[in-house]
Amino acid sequence: MESQKEWFDNLYLQCSPKMVSIAVRAGLTVEEAEEITQDVFLLFMVKAPAIRKQNSSPTAYLSATLRNLLGDALRRRRREGSRREMLE
């Protein structure tokens, strides 16, 4: 049986490249996309025992969390851009 660490490592290796790619296509830099992906996995680590216990889909959780964090980041960027324009 696969250990929890091996399971998590495999999930990260399987999903993180696609998540970074999605974030870049959404408008983030590669660095920002990698950071958001790491944030998603950190949040996932907190919830992973409950997700595994409920036999819920980890990829569904990762996708939803990525979508939410991307939305937050893009809204934050728009607000900061608006503020800069107002100051100019």
Protein backbone atom coordinates (compact mmCIF):
# COMPACT_ATOMS: atom_id res chain seq x y z
CA MET A 1 0.00 0.00 0.00
CA GLU A 2 1.18 3.47 -0.88
CA SER A 3 2.22 5.71 2.01
CA GLN A 4 0.56 9.08 2.47
CA LYS A 5 3.79 10.86 1.46
CA GLU A 6 4.12 8.78 -1.72
CA TRP A 7 0.45 9.39 -2.53
CA PHE A 8 0.87 13.15 -2.07
CA ASP A 9 4.15 13.24 -4.05
CA ASN A 10 2.56 11.35 -6.94
CA LEU A 11 -0.46 13.63 -6.90
CA TYR A 12 1.79 16.71 -6.94
CA LEU A 13 3.89 15.36 -9.82
CA GLN A 14 0.78 14.44 -11.75
CA CYS A 15 -1.22 17.65 -11.24
CA SER A 16 1.14 20.56 -10.63
CA PRO A 17 2.41 21.05 -14.23
CA LYS A 18 -1.15 21.33 -15.55
CA MET A 19 -2.13 23.67 -12.70
CA VAL A 20 0.82 25.97 -13.42
CA SER A 21 -0.10 25.94 -17.11
CA ILE A 22 -3.71 26.86 -16.35
CA ALA A 23 -2.61 29.73 -14.11
CA VAL A 24 -0.23 31.08 -16.76
CA ARG A 25 -2.96 30.91 -19.40
CA ALA A 26 -5.21 32.82 -17.00
CA GLY A 27 -2.71 35.67 -17.01
CA LEU A 28 -0.22 35.04 -14.23
CA THR A 29 3.54 34.96 -14.63
CA VAL A 30 5.23 31.58 -14.30
CA GLU A 31 6.51 32.58 -10.87
CA GLU A 32 3.03 33.64 -9.71
CA ALA A 33 1.53 30.45 -11.18
CA GLU A 34 4.03 28.26 -9.35
CA GLU A 35 3.36 30.13 -6.10
CA ILE A 36 -0.42 29.72 -6.42
CA THR A 37 0.02 26.04 -7.21
CA GLN A 38 2.09 25.62 -4.07
CA ASP A 39 -0.58 27.47 -2.08
CA VAL A 40 -3.24 25.11 -3.45
CA PHE A 41 -1.23 22.08 -2.36
CA LEU A 42 -0.58 23.56 1.08
CA LEU A 43 -4.31 24.06 1.57
CA PHE A 44 -4.88 20.56 0.24
CA MET A 45 -2.45 19.06 2.77
CA VAL A 46 -4.62 20.42 5.56
CA LYS A 47 -7.75 18.86 4.05
CA ALA A 48 -6.18 15.68 2.60
CA PRO A 49 -7.03 13.35 5.50
CA ALA A 50 -10.71 14.29 5.32
CA ILE A 51 -10.73 14.09 1.52
CA ARG A 52 -9.15 10.63 1.56
CA LYS A 53 -11.44 9.46 4.38
CA GLN A 54 -14.54 10.52 2.43
CA ASN A 55 -13.18 9.00 -0.79
CA SER A 56 -13.64 12.42 -2.39
CA SER A 57 -11.79 13.32 -5.54
CA PRO A 58 -8.52 15.09 -4.74
CA THR A 59 -8.36 16.52 -8.25
CA ALA A 60 -11.80 18.09 -7.83
CA TYR A 61 -10.62 19.79 -4.63
CA LEU A 62 -7.39 20.93 -6.32
CA SER A 63 -9.26 22.30 -9.34
CA ALA A 64 -11.81 24.20 -7.26
CA THR A 65 -9.13 25.64 -4.98
CA LEU A 66 -6.97 26.68 -7.95
CA ARG A 67 -9.98 28.37 -9.56
CA ASN A 68 -10.74 30.27 -6.34
CA LEU A 69 -7.16 31.38 -5.73
CA LEU A 70 -6.75 32.41 -9.37
CA GLY A 71 -9.86 34.53 -9.14
CA ASP A 72 -8.54 36.18 -5.98
CA ALA A 73 -5.14 36.88 -7.57
CA LEU A 74 -6.63 38.33 -10.75
CA ARG A 75 -9.06 40.55 -8.80
CA ARG A 76 -6.18 41.74 -6.60
CA ARG A 77 -4.14 42.57 -9.71
CA ARG A 78 -7.04 44.55 -11.24
CA ARG A 79 -7.51 46.52 -8.01
CA GLU A 80 -3.81 47.32 -7.79
CA GLY A 81 -3.80 48.37 -11.45
CA SER A 82 -6.78 50.66 -10.86
CA ARG A 83 -5.05 52.24 -7.88
CA ARG A 84 -1.89 52.89 -9.88
CA GLU A 85 -3.91 54.50 -12.68
CA MET A 86 -5.65 56.77 -10.18
CA LEU A 87 -2.29 57.90 -8.77
CA GLU A 88 -0.86 58.73 -12.17
